[in-house]
C-alpha atoms as a PDB file:
ATOM      1  CA  UNK A   1      29.395 -75.989 -38.562  1.00  0.00           C
ATOM      2  CA  UNK A   2      28.170 -78.180 -35.731  1.00  0.00           C
ATOM      3  CA  UNK A   3      24.847 -77.850 -33.957  1.00  0.00           C
ATOM      4  CA  UNK A   4      26.590 -76.589 -30.813  1.00  0.00           C
ATOM      5  CA  UNK A   5      28.680 -73.930 -32.558  1.00  0.00           C
ATOM      6  CA  UNK A   6      25.464 -72.666 -34.090  1.00  0.00           C
ATOM      7  CA  UNK A   7      23.940 -72.416 -30.620  1.00  0.00           C
ATOM      8  CA  UNK A   8      26.517 -69.886 -29.511  1.00  0.00           C
ATOM      9  CA  UNK A   9      26.059 -67.818 -32.637  1.00  0.00           C
ATOM     10  CA  UNK A  10      22.285 -67.776 -32.969  1.00  0.00           C
ATOM     11  CA  UNK A  11      20.486 -68.233 -29.635  1.00  0.00           C
ATOM     12  CA  UNK A  12      20.880 -64.583 -28.729  1.00  0.00           C
ATOM     13  CA  UNK A  13      19.377 -63.495 -32.035  1.00  0.00           C
ATOM     14  CA  UNK A  14      16.427 -65.839 -31.557  1.00  0.00           C
ATOM     15  CA  UNK A  15      15.674 -64.243 -28.180  1.00  0.00           C
ATOM     16  CA  UNK A  16      16.049 -60.649 -29.373  1.00  0.00           C
ATOM     17  CA  UNK A  17      12.469 -59.323 -29.595  1.00  0.00           C
ATOM     18  CA  UNK A  18      11.369 -62.477 -31.411  1.00  0.00           C
ATOM     19  CA  UNK A  19      12.252 -60.996 -34.827  1.00  0.00           C
ATOM     20  CA  UNK A  20      14.636 -62.612 -37.278  1.00  0.00           C
ATOM     21  CA  UNK A  21      15.890 -59.347 -38.770  1.00  0.00           C
ATOM     22  CA  UNK A  22      16.580 -60.904 -42.173  1.00  0.00           C
ATOM     23  CA  UNK A  23      14.705 -61.873 -45.298  1.00  0.00           C
ATOM     24  CA  UNK A  24      13.330 -65.400 -45.626  1.00  0.00           C
ATOM     25  CA  UNK A  25      15.680 -67.740 -47.492  1.00  0.00           C
ATOM     26  CA  UNK A  26      15.483 -68.137 -51.243  1.00  0.00           C
ATOM     27  CA  UNK A  27      13.446 -71.130 -52.364  1.00  0.00           C
ATOM     28  CA  UNK A  28      13.378 -72.891 -55.736  1.00  0.00           C
ATOM     29  CA  UNK A  29      11.504 -71.603 -58.768  1.00  0.00           C
ATOM     30  CA  UNK A  30       7.934 -72.847 -58.718  1.00  0.00           C
ATOM     31  CA  UNK A  31       7.766 -72.835 -54.924  1.00  0.00           C
ATOM     32  CA  UNK A  32       5.027 -71.244 -52.846  1.00  0.00           C
ATOM     33  CA  UNK A  33       4.893 -67.440 -53.070  1.00  0.00           C
ATOM     34  CA  UNK A  34       6.272 -65.505 -50.102  1.00  0.00           C
ATOM     35  CA  UNK A  35       4.515 -62.561 -48.473  1.00  0.00           C
ATOM     36  CA  UNK A  36       6.477 -59.809 -46.651  1.00  0.00           C
ATOM     37  CA  UNK A  37       7.547 -60.525 -43.075  1.00  0.00           C
ATOM     38  CA  UNK A  38       5.653 -58.909 -40.221  1.00  0.00           C
ATOM     39  CA  UNK A  39       7.186 -56.844 -37.419  1.00  0.00           C
ATOM     40  CA  UNK A  40       8.204 -58.420 -34.081  1.00  0.00           C
ATOM     41  CA  UNK A  41       4.801 -59.770 -32.980  1.00  0.00           C
ATOM     42  CA  UNK A  42       5.690 -62.259 -30.229  1.00  0.00           C
ATOM     43  CA  UNK A  43       6.349 -61.978 -26.499  1.00  0.00           C
ATOM     44  CA  UNK A  44       7.776 -64.701 -24.255  1.00  0.00           C
ATOM     45  CA  UNK A  45       5.396 -66.044 -21.587  1.00  0.00           C
ATOM     46  CA  UNK A  46       6.037 -67.544 -18.135  1.00  0.00           C
ATOM     47  CA  UNK A  47       6.759 -71.222 -18.694  1.00  0.00           C
ATOM     48  CA  UNK A  48       8.995 -73.890 -17.199  1.00  0.00           C
ATOM     49  CA  UNK A  49      12.303 -73.722 -19.049  1.00  0.00           C
ATOM     50  CA  UNK A  50      12.826 -77.454 -19.637  1.00  0.00           C
ATOM     51  CA  UNK A  51      11.333 -80.951 -19.558  1.00  0.00           C
ATOM     52  CA  UNK A  52      13.272 -84.097 -18.626  1.00  0.00           C
ATOM     53  CA  UNK A  53      12.185 -85.768 -21.879  1.00  0.00           C
ATOM     54  CA  UNK A  54      15.322 -86.232 -24.009  1.00  0.00           C
ATOM     55  CA  UNK A  55      15.700 -84.807 -27.498  1.00  0.00           C
ATOM     56  CA  UNK A  56      12.188 -83.396 -27.997  1.00  0.00           C
ATOM     57  CA  UNK A  57      11.294 -83.958 -31.646  1.00  0.00           C
ATOM     58  CA  UNK A  58       7.510 -83.779 -32.016  1.00  0.00           C
ATOM     59  CA  UNK A  59       4.426 -82.681 -30.076  1.00  0.00           C
ATOM     60  CA  UNK A  60       0.696 -83.379 -30.241  1.00  0.00           C
ATOM     61  CA  UNK A  61      -2.358 -81.987 -28.449  1.00  0.00           C
ATOM     62  CA  UNK A  62      -4.247 -84.764 -26.627  1.00  0.00           C
ATOM     63  CA  UNK A  63      -6.659 -84.893 -23.720  1.00  0.00           C
ATOM     64  CA  UNK A  64      -4.845 -86.775 -20.948  1.00  0.00           C
ATOM     65  CA  UNK A  65      -6.585 -87.331 -17.619  1.00  0.00           C
ATOM     66  CA  UNK A  66      -9.369 -84.952 -18.641  1.00  0.00           C
ATOM     67  CA  UNK A  67      -7.009 -82.045 -19.464  1.00  0.00           C
ATOM     68  CA  UNK A  68      -5.720 -80.817 -22.806  1.00  0.00           C
ATOM     69  CA  UNK A  69      -1.990 -81.560 -22.794  1.00  0.00           C
ATOM     70  CA  UNK A  70       1.101 -81.532 -24.972  1.00  0.00           C
ATOM     71  CA  UNK A  71       2.478 -85.009 -25.630  1.00  0.00           C
ATOM     72  CA  UNK A  72       6.134 -84.751 -26.658  1.00  0.00           C
ATOM     73  CA  UNK A  73       8.094 -87.596 -28.283  1.00  0.00           C
ATOM     74  CA  UNK A  74      11.859 -88.228 -28.440  1.00  0.00           C
ATOM     75  CA  UNK A  75      13.869 -89.274 -31.459  1.00  0.00           C
ATOM     76  CA  UNK A  76      16.417 -92.046 -32.041  1.00  0.00           C
ATOM     77  CA  UNK A  77      18.439 -93.489 -29.186  1.00  0.00           C
ATOM     78  CA  UNK A  78      15.715 -92.986 -26.592  1.00  0.00           C
ATOM     79  CA  UNK A  79      13.539 -96.116 -27.033  1.00  0.00           C
ATOM     80  CA  UNK A  80      10.327 -94.187 -27.703  1.00  0.00           C
ATOM     81  CA  UNK A  81      10.572 -91.868 -24.679  1.00  0.00           C
ATOM     82  CA  UNK A  82       7.715 -89.406 -24.265  1.00  0.00           C
ATOM     83  CA  UNK A  83       6.464 -86.779 -21.828  1.00  0.00           C
ATOM     84  CA  UNK A  84       3.090 -85.205 -21.118  1.00  0.00           C
ATOM     85  CA  UNK A  85       3.421 -81.466 -20.453  1.00  0.00           C
ATOM     86  CA  UNK A  86       0.954 -79.003 -18.930  1.00  0.00           C
ATOM     87  CA  UNK A  87       0.642 -76.279 -21.608  1.00  0.00           C
ATOM     88  CA  UNK A  88      -0.161 -73.619 -19.018  1.00  0.00           C
ATOM     89  CA  UNK A  89       2.833 -74.038 -16.724  1.00  0.00           C
ATOM     90  CA  UNK A  90       5.256 -76.266 -18.620  1.00  0.00           C
ATOM     91  CA  UNK A  91       5.314 -78.843 -15.820  1.00  0.00           C
ATOM     92  CA  UNK A  92       5.964 -82.415 -16.980  1.00  0.00           C
ATOM     93  CA  UNK A  93       3.132 -84.488 -15.506  1.00  0.00           C
ATOM     94  CA  UNK A  94       3.863 -87.906 -17.017  1.00  0.00           C
ATOM     95  CA  UNK A  95       6.789 -89.745 -18.582  1.00  0.00           C
ATOM     96  CA  UNK A  96       7.149 -93.152 -20.185  1.00  0.00           C
ATOM     97  CA  UNK A  97       8.125 -95.037 -23.312  1.00  0.00           C
ATOM     98  CA  UNK A  98       5.988 -95.718 -26.343  1.00  0.00           C
ATOM     99  CA  UNK A  99       5.824 -99.352 -27.498  1.00  0.00           C
ATOM    100  CA  UNK A 100       7.563 -99.331 -30.880  1.00  0.00           C
ATOM    101  CA  UNK A 101       6.498-102.547 -32.582  1.00  0.00           C
ATOM    102  CA  UNK A 102       8.243-103.556 -35.785  1.00  0.00           C
ATOM    103  CA  UNK A 103       9.452-100.135 -37.029  1.00  0.00           C
ATOM    104  CA  UNK A 104      12.334 -97.949 -35.888  1.00  0.00           C
ATOM    105  CA  UNK A 105      12.596 -95.612 -32.891  1.00  0.00           C
ATOM    106  CA  UNK A 106      13.508 -92.405 -34.742  1.00  0.00           C
ATOM    107  CA  UNK A 107      10.213 -90.631 -34.020  1.00  0.00           C
ATOM    108  CA  UNK A 108      10.541 -87.139 -35.491  1.00  0.00           C
ATOM    109  CA  UNK A 109       7.030 -85.719 -35.769  1.00  0.00           C
ATOM    110  CA  UNK A 110       3.788 -86.175 -33.861  1.00  0.00           C
ATOM    111  CA  UNK A 111       0.161 -85.105 -34.206  1.00  0.00           C
ATOM    112  CA  UNK A 112      -3.253 -85.953 -32.827  1.00  0.00           C
ATOM    113  CA  UNK A 113      -5.845 -87.770 -34.929  1.00  0.00           C
ATOM    114  CA  UNK A 114      -8.969 -87.687 -32.831  1.00  0.00           C
ATOM    115  CA  UNK A 115      -7.883 -89.166 -29.501  1.00  0.00           C
ATOM    116  CA  UNK A 116      -4.963 -91.034 -31.053  1.00  0.00           C
ATOM    117  CA  UNK A 117      -1.287 -90.106 -31.066  1.00  0.00           C
ATOM    118  CA  UNK A 118       0.274 -90.435 -34.527  1.00  0.00           C
ATOM    119  CA  UNK A 119       4.035 -90.217 -35.133  1.00  0.00           C
ATOM    120  CA  UNK A 120       6.279 -90.335 -38.196  1.00  0.00           C
ATOM    121  CA  UNK A 121       9.861 -91.565 -38.290  1.00  0.00           C
ATOM    122  CA  UNK A 122      12.602 -89.852 -40.283  1.00  0.00           C
ATOM    123  CA  UNK A 123      12.340 -92.669 -42.828  1.00  0.00           C
ATOM    124  CA  UNK A 124       8.618 -92.046 -43.373  1.00  0.00           C
ATOM    125  CA  UNK A 125       6.862 -94.735 -41.336  1.00  0.00           C
ATOM    126  CA  UNK A 126       3.683 -94.065 -39.354  1.00  0.00           C
ATOM    127  CA  UNK A 127       2.565 -95.533 -36.020  1.00  0.00           C
ATOM    128  CA  UNK A 128      -0.534 -94.910 -33.913  1.00  0.00           C
ATOM    129  CA  UNK A 129      -1.093 -95.114 -30.136  1.00  0.00           C
ATOM    130  CA  UNK A 130      -3.882 -94.479 -27.645  1.00  0.00           C
ATOM    131  CA  UNK A 131      -3.370 -93.253 -24.092  1.00  0.00           C
ATOM    132  CA  UNK A 132      -4.631 -95.337 -21.162  1.00  0.00           C
ATOM    133  CA  UNK A 133      -5.306 -93.003 -18.252  1.00  0.00           C
ATOM    134  CA  UNK A 134      -5.637 -95.885 -15.798  1.00  0.00           C
ATOM    135  CA  UNK A 135      -2.073 -97.070 -16.383  1.00  0.00           C
ATOM    136  CA  UNK A 136      -0.595 -93.700 -17.403  1.00  0.00           C
ATOM    137  CA  UNK A 137       0.821 -95.235 -20.557  1.00  0.00           C
ATOM    138  CA  UNK A 138       0.288 -95.551 -24.315  1.00  0.00           C
ATOM    139  CA  UNK A 139      -0.791 -98.648 -26.231  1.00  0.00           C
ATOM    140  CA  UNK A 140       0.230 -99.287 -29.838  1.00  0.00           C
ATOM    141  CA  UNK A 141      -3.040 -99.795 -31.734  1.00  0.00           C
ATOM    142  CA  UNK A 142      -2.051-100.072 -35.406  1.00  0.00           C
ATOM    143  CA  UNK A 143       0.698-101.714 -37.413  1.00  0.00           C
ATOM    144  CA  UNK A 144       3.456 -99.518 -38.814  1.00  0.00           C
ATOM    145  CA  UNK A 145       3.152 -98.479 -42.467  1.00  0.00           C
ATOM    146  CA  UNK A 146       5.038 -96.162 -44.879  1.00  0.00           C
ATOM    147  CA  UNK A 147       3.561 -92.856 -46.064  1.00  0.00           C
ATOM    148  CA  UNK A 148       4.101 -93.921 -49.663  1.00  0.00           C
ATOM    149  CA  UNK A 149       6.286 -96.104 -51.835  1.00  0.00           C
ATOM    150  CA  UNK A 150       9.286 -97.179 -49.708  1.00  0.00           C
ATOM    151  CA  UNK A 151      11.617 -97.004 -52.697  1.00  0.00           C
ATOM    152  CA  UNK A 152      14.046 -94.265 -51.592  1.00  0.00           C
ATOM    153  CA  UNK A 153      17.672 -95.025 -50.803  1.00  0.00           C
ATOM    154  CA  UNK A 154      18.452 -96.177 -47.268  1.00  0.00           C
ATOM    155  CA  UNK A 155      21.588 -94.038 -47.282  1.00  0.00           C
ATOM    156  CA  UNK A 156      21.593 -91.666 -44.299  1.00  0.00           C
ATOM    157  CA  UNK A 157      22.050 -88.367 -46.140  1.00  0.00           C
ATOM    158  CA  UNK A 158      19.283 -86.434 -44.504  1.00  0.00           C
ATOM    159  CA  UNK A 159      20.260 -82.835 -45.285  1.00  0.00           C
ATOM    160  CA  UNK A 160      20.236 -83.220 -49.067  1.00  0.00           C
ATOM    161  CA  UNK A 161      17.124 -83.345 -51.261  1.00  0.00           C
ATOM    162  CA  UNK A 162      15.947 -86.863 -51.973  1.00  0.00           C
ATOM    163  CA  UNK A 163      16.051 -88.187 -55.518  1.00  0.00           C
ATOM    164  CA  UNK A 164      13.156 -90.025 -57.086  1.00  0.00           C
ATOM    165  CA  UNK A 165       9.441 -89.864 -56.372  1.00  0.00           C
ATOM    166  CA  UNK A 166       9.323 -92.413 -53.567  1.00  0.00           C
ATOM    167  CA  UNK A 167       8.130 -91.138 -50.196  1.00  0.00           C
ATOM    168  CA  UNK A 168       9.777 -93.502 -47.685  1.00  0.00           C
ATOM    169  CA  UNK A 169      12.840 -95.682 -47.119  1.00  0.00           C
ATOM    170  CA  UNK A 170      13.524 -98.612 -44.782  1.00  0.00           C
ATOM    171  CA  UNK A 171      11.377 -98.999 -41.675  1.00  0.00           C
ATOM    172  CA  UNK A 172      14.325 -99.061 -39.253  1.00  0.00           C
ATOM    173  CA  UNK A 173      16.703 -96.694 -41.078  1.00  0.00           C
ATOM    174  CA  UNK A 174      17.511 -93.251 -39.635  1.00  0.00           C
ATOM    175  CA  UNK A 175      17.767 -89.953 -41.552  1.00  0.00           C
ATOM    176  CA  UNK A 176      17.322 -91.491 -44.983  1.00  0.00           C
ATOM    177  CA  UNK A 177      15.172 -90.478 -47.948  1.00  0.00           C
ATOM    178  CA  UNK A 178      13.184 -87.320 -47.291  1.00  0.00           C
ATOM    179  CA  UNK A 179      14.290 -87.323 -43.642  1.00  0.00           C
ATOM    180  CA  UNK A 180      10.943 -86.326 -42.164  1.00  0.00           C
ATOM    181  CA  UNK A 181      11.135 -84.000 -39.149  1.00  0.00           C
ATOM    182  CA  UNK A 182       7.497 -83.119 -38.539  1.00  0.00           C
ATOM    183  CA  UNK A 183       3.880 -84.177 -38.833  1.00  0.00           C
ATOM    184  CA  UNK A 184       0.744 -82.020 -38.655  1.00  0.00           C
ATOM    185  CA  UNK A 185      -2.908 -83.038 -39.033  1.00  0.00           C
ATOM    186  CA  UNK A 186      -5.868 -80.676 -39.267  1.00  0.00           C
ATOM    187  CA  UNK A 187      -9.070 -81.349 -37.339  1.00  0.00           C
ATOM    188  CA  UNK A 188     -12.066 -82.416 -39.480  1.00  0.00           C
ATOM    189  CA  UNK A 189     -13.890 -79.111 -38.929  1.00  0.00           C
ATOM    190  CA  UNK A 190     -11.159 -77.195 -40.793  1.00  0.00           C
ATOM    191  CA  UNK A 191     -10.392 -79.615 -43.618  1.00  0.00           C
ATOM    192  CA  UNK A 192     -10.496 -78.235 -47.148  1.00  0.00           C
ATOM    193  CA  UNK A 193      -9.212 -79.708 -50.368  1.00  0.00           C
ATOM    194  CA  UNK A 194      -7.441 -83.062 -50.547  1.00  0.00           C
ATOM    195  CA  UNK A 195      -4.993 -82.630 -47.651  1.00  0.00           C
ATOM    196  CA  UNK A 196      -5.767 -83.907 -44.142  1.00  0.00           C
ATOM    197  CA  UNK A 197      -2.320 -82.796 -43.030  1.00  0.00           C
ATOM    198  CA  UNK A 198       1.348 -82.593 -43.995  1.00  0.00           C
ATOM    199  CA  UNK A 199       4.639 -84.359 -43.432  1.00  0.00           C
ATOM    200  CA  UNK A 200       7.624 -82.020 -43.045  1.00  0.00           C
ATOM    201  CA  UNK A 201      10.699 -83.119 -45.017  1.00  0.00           C
ATOM    202  CA  UNK A 202      13.992 -81.795 -43.661  1.00  0.00           C
ATOM    203  CA  UNK A 203      15.906 -83.050 -46.699  1.00  0.00           C
ATOM    204  CA  UNK A 204      13.668 -81.206 -49.156  1.00  0.00           C
ATOM    205  CA  UNK A 205      12.695 -78.216 -46.989  1.00  0.00           C
ATOM    206  CA  UNK A 206       9.065 -78.825 -47.926  1.00  0.00           C
ATOM    207  CA  UNK A 207       5.691 -79.906 -46.565  1.00  0.00           C
ATOM    208  CA  UNK A 208       4.091 -82.861 -48.379  1.00  0.00           C
ATOM    209  CA  UNK A 209       0.319 -83.173 -48.490  1.00  0.00           C
ATOM    210  CA  UNK A 210      -1.120 -86.200 -46.702  1.00  0.00           C
ATOM    211  CA  UNK A 211      -4.394 -87.746 -47.797  1.00  0.00           C
ATOM    212  CA  UNK A 212      -6.482 -90.373 -46.033  1.00  0.00           C
ATOM    213  CA  UNK A 213      -6.444 -93.608 -48.030  1.00  0.00           C
ATOM    214  CA  UNK A 214      -8.579 -96.240 -46.307  1.00  0.00           C
ATOM    215  CA  UNK A 215      -7.517 -94.897 -42.916  1.00  0.00           C
ATOM    216  CA  UNK A 216      -3.810 -94.607 -43.721  1.00  0.00           C
ATOM    217  CA  UNK A 217      -1.908 -91.355 -44.234  1.00  0.00           C
ATOM    218  CA  UNK A 218      -0.312 -91.195 -47.685  1.00  0.00           C
ATOM    219  CA  UNK A 219       2.106 -88.444 -48.793  1.00  0.00           C
ATOM    220  CA  UNK A 220       2.082 -87.039 -52.330  1.00  0.00           C
ATOM    221  CA  UNK A 221       5.249 -85.981 -54.114  1.00  0.00           C
ATOM    222  CA  UNK A 222       3.304 -83.725 -56.496  1.00  0.00           C
ATOM    223  CA  UNK A 223       1.504 -81.828 -53.690  1.00  0.00           C
ATOM    224  CA  UNK A 224       4.335 -80.032 -51.907  1.00  0.00           C
ATOM    225  CA  UNK A 225       4.742 -76.615 -50.276  1.00  0.00           C
ATOM    226  CA  UNK A 226       8.410 -75.473 -50.180  1.00  0.00           C
ATOM    227  CA  UNK A 227       9.189 -73.692 -46.894  1.00  0.00           C
ATOM    228  CA  UNK A 228      12.949 -73.226 -46.509  1.00  0.00           C
ATOM    229  CA  UNK A 229      16.348 -74.540 -47.582  1.00  0.00           C
ATOM    230  CA  UNK A 230      17.252 -78.241 -47.356  1.00  0.00           C
ATOM    231  CA  UNK A 231      18.382 -79.231 -43.880  1.00  0.00           C
ATOM    232  CA  UNK A 232      16.482 -76.476 -42.060  1.00  0.00           C
ATOM    233  CA  UNK A 233      12.807 -77.491 -41.789  1.00  0.00           C
ATOM    234  CA  UNK A 234      12.086 -78.781 -38.277  1.00  0.00           C
ATOM    235  CA  UNK A 235       8.328 -79.220 -37.785  1.00  0.00           C
ATOM    236  CA  UNK A 236       4.824 -78.168 -38.761  1.00  0.00           C
ATOM    237  CA  UNK A 237       1.697 -77.565 -36.687  1.00  0.00           C
ATOM    238  CA  UNK A 238      -1.987 -76.818 -37.148  1.00  0.00           C
ATOM    239  CA  UNK A 239      -3.618 -74.508 -34.641  1.00  0.00           C
ATOM    240  CA  UNK A 240      -7.141 -75.127 -33.384  1.00  0.00           C
ATOM    241  CA  UNK A 241      -8.438 -72.517 -35.867  1.00  0.00           C
ATOM    242  CA  UNK A 242      -7.118 -74.489 -38.847  1.00  0.00           C
ATOM    243  CA  UNK A 243      -4.125 -72.228 -39.528  1.00  0.00           C
ATOM    244  CA  UNK A 244      -0.907 -73.960 -40.593  1.00  0.00           C
ATOM    245  CA  UNK A 245       2.551 -73.113 -39.282  1.00  0.00           C
ATOM    246  CA  UNK A 246       6.058 -74.391 -40.011  1.00  0.00           C
ATOM    247  CA  UNK A 247       9.150 -74.049 -37.845  1.00  0.00           C
ATOM    248  CA  UNK A 248      12.799 -74.189 -38.848  1.00  0.00           C
ATOM    249  CA  UNK A 249      15.929 -75.063 -36.884  1.00  0.00           C
ATOM    250  CA  UNK A 250      19.002 -72.895 -36.299  1.00  0.00           C
ATOM    251  CA  UNK A 251      20.204 -73.400 -39.868  1.00  0.00           C
ATOM    252  CA  UNK A 252      17.351 -70.980 -40.714  1.00  0.00           C
ATOM    253  CA  UNK A 253      17.568 -68.999 -37.417  1.00  0.00           C
ATOM    254  CA  UNK A 254      14.622 -70.816 -35.797  1.00  0.00           C
ATOM    255  CA  UNK A 255      12.014 -69.061 -37.909  1.00  0.00           C
ATOM    256  CA  UNK A 256       8.282 -69.739 -37.693  1.00  0.00           C
ATOM    257  CA  UNK A 257       6.269 -69.320 -40.886  1.00  0.00           C
ATOM    258  CA  UNK A 258       2.539 -69.117 -41.577  1.00  0.00           C
ATOM    259  CA  UNK A 259       1.331 -71.143 -44.560  1.00  0.00           C
ATOM    260  CA  UNK A 260      -1.826 -69.617 -46.036  1.00  0.00           C
ATOM    261  CA  UNK A 261      -3.993 -71.338 -48.603  1.00  0.00           C
ATOM    262  CA  UNK A 262      -2.561 -74.731 -47.637  1.00  0.00           C
ATOM    263  CA  UNK A 263      -5.654 -76.516 -48.983  1.00  0.00           C
ATOM    264  CA  UNK A 264      -4.205 -75.971 -52.478  1.00  0.00           C
ATOM    265  CA  UNK A 265      -0.449 -76.612 -52.172  1.00  0.00           C
ATOM    266  CA  UNK A 266       0.302 -75.292 -55.673  1.00  0.00           C
ATOM    267  CA  UNK A 267      -0.871 -71.772 -54.752  1.00  0.00           C
ATOM    268  CA  UNK A 268      -0.095 -71.653 -51.024  1.00  0.00           C
ATOM    269  CA  UNK A 269       1.826 -68.653 -49.676  1.00  0.00           C
ATOM    270  CA  UNK A 270       4.448 -68.660 -46.939  1.00  0.00           C
ATOM    271  CA  UNK A 271       5.148 -65.647 -44.705  1.00  0.00           C
ATOM    272  CA  UNK A 272       7.579 -65.123 -41.855  1.00  0.00           C
ATOM    273  CA  UNK A 273       6.064 -64.612 -38.399  1.00  0.00           C
ATOM    274  CA  UNK A 274       9.165 -64.425 -36.195  1.00  0.00           C
ATOM    275  CA  UNK A 275      12.275 -66.243 -35.000  1.00  0.00           C
ATOM    276  CA  UNK A 276      11.095 -68.299 -32.016  1.00  0.00           C
ATOM    277  CA  UNK A 277      12.992 -70.834 -30.004  1.00  0.00           C
ATOM    278  CA  UNK A 278      15.782 -71.749 -27.672  1.00  0.00           C
ATOM    279  CA  UNK A 279      18.683 -74.163 -28.066  1.00  0.00           C
ATOM    280  CA  UNK A 280      18.316 -76.126 -31.315  1.00  0.00           C
ATOM    281  CA  UNK A 281      14.529 -75.896 -31.824  1.00  0.00           C
ATOM    282  CA  UNK A 282      12.713 -78.755 -33.499  1.00  0.00           C
ATOM    283  CA  UNK A 283       9.246 -79.095 -32.003  1.00  0.00           C
ATOM    284  CA  UNK A 284       6.491 -76.597 -32.827  1.00  0.00           C
ATOM    285  CA  UNK A 285       2.979 -76.541 -31.320  1.00  0.00           C
ATOM    286  CA  UNK A 286       0.328 -73.836 -31.674  1.00  0.00           C
ATOM    287  CA  UNK A 287      -2.918 -73.200 -29.819  1.00  0.00           C
ATOM    288  CA  UNK A 288      -4.774 -69.936 -30.349  1.00  0.00           C
ATOM    289  CA  UNK A 289      -2.178 -67.173 -30.033  1.00  0.00           C
ATOM    290  CA  UNK A 290       0.255 -69.364 -28.062  1.00  0.00           C
ATOM    291  CA  UNK A 291       3.319 -70.810 -29.790  1.00  0.00           C
ATOM    292  CA  UNK A 292       5.458 -73.512 -28.184  1.00  0.00           C
ATOM    293  CA  UNK A 293       8.937 -74.592 -29.213  1.00  0.00           C
ATOM    294  CA  UNK A 294      11.165 -77.282 -27.732  1.00  0.00           C
ATOM    295  CA  UNK A 295      14.836 -77.958 -28.345  1.00  0.00           C
ATOM    296  CA  UNK A 296      16.743 -81.089 -29.321  1.00  0.00           C
ATOM    297  CA  UNK A 297      20.361 -80.567 -28.245  1.00  0.00           C
ATOM    298  CA  UNK A 298      21.257 -84.240 -28.143  1.00  0.00           C
ATOM    299  CA  UNK A 299      20.162 -85.247 -24.653  1.00  0.00           C
ATOM    300  CA  UNK A 300      18.065 -84.504 -21.584  1.00  0.00           C
ATOM    301  CA  UNK A 301      16.569 -82.151 -20.564  1.00  0.00           C
ATOM    302  CA  UNK A 302      14.849 -80.537 -23.543  1.00  0.00           C
ATOM    303  CA  UNK A 303      14.632 -76.748 -23.373  1.00  0.00           C
ATOM    304  CA  UNK A 304      11.207 -75.160 -23.855  1.00  0.00           C
ATOM    305  CA  UNK A 305       9.781 -71.737 -24.701  1.00  0.00           C
ATOM    306  CA  UNK A 306       6.251 -70.342 -24.945  1.00  0.00           C
ATOM    307  CA  UNK A 307       5.231 -67.174 -26.774  1.00  0.00           C
ATOM    308  CA  UNK A 308       2.061 -65.146 -27.244  1.00  0.00           C
ATOM    309  CA  UNK A 309       1.997 -63.917 -30.828  1.00  0.00           C
ATOM    310  CA  UNK A 310      -0.139 -61.259 -32.501  1.00  0.00           C
ATOM    311  CA  UNK A 311      -1.253 -62.387 -35.939  1.00  0.00           C
END
């Protein structure tokens, strides 16, 4: 079933009271334990319905021009396009293109690391930028590097679990290996255990723990938190209180899950919050009790939604 046929079938359900109305999907033996789903806890908030940024794929909280903002990045085919969005109103206040350097343009997840913007490609390569307020642009400040051994097949088969223990494939390949869709980094005040964040693998339906190795983010195959079925995981996000959230796409009815006990991936639990999103949701951002989702439906504009959730 294509992405657009799914839109017609599911979007109405995603908008209906914010509740999925079904049990979370079955996950493999040995995966994180699942707690019961809550009732419908989320209410849509006034927010601009779309941003001109094409194919929104990842979002990060950064201070731009003295104001906390959402920086949203596009995926392949858009030459590193980004937008800066006012999280209160949804107004797009800046647009541009990220310098890409020597790695590919398929930016699928984004997160803040201090005042830096960090993004991961579907093939598992990391790049880092800093915003220059004076020129209203981003500067690439580090070389690209893989999140682990780049030994996975370059075959673009991104909705099937990857084989082997490698964590990346070719720097300029799209949708290969673990087919990463999201990146989330916790602020230093809320760090616990070995993980400084997670990379969300669409192919595996799991979050992989990232550690800081001499300043580089390295993913660990043996420190994973299964979230949903292969092909459905879309993003992950840390809130400012250190809570961890994961969002799925329409292949899992746009669900948002809370991941408790993430500091120890082997005992973490995953519980359903609600079905949140519009279009084909990929991006997830969380701040306090506000949840933001943006849609990648293959072009511009990207649809947006904002919810206040009781948790």
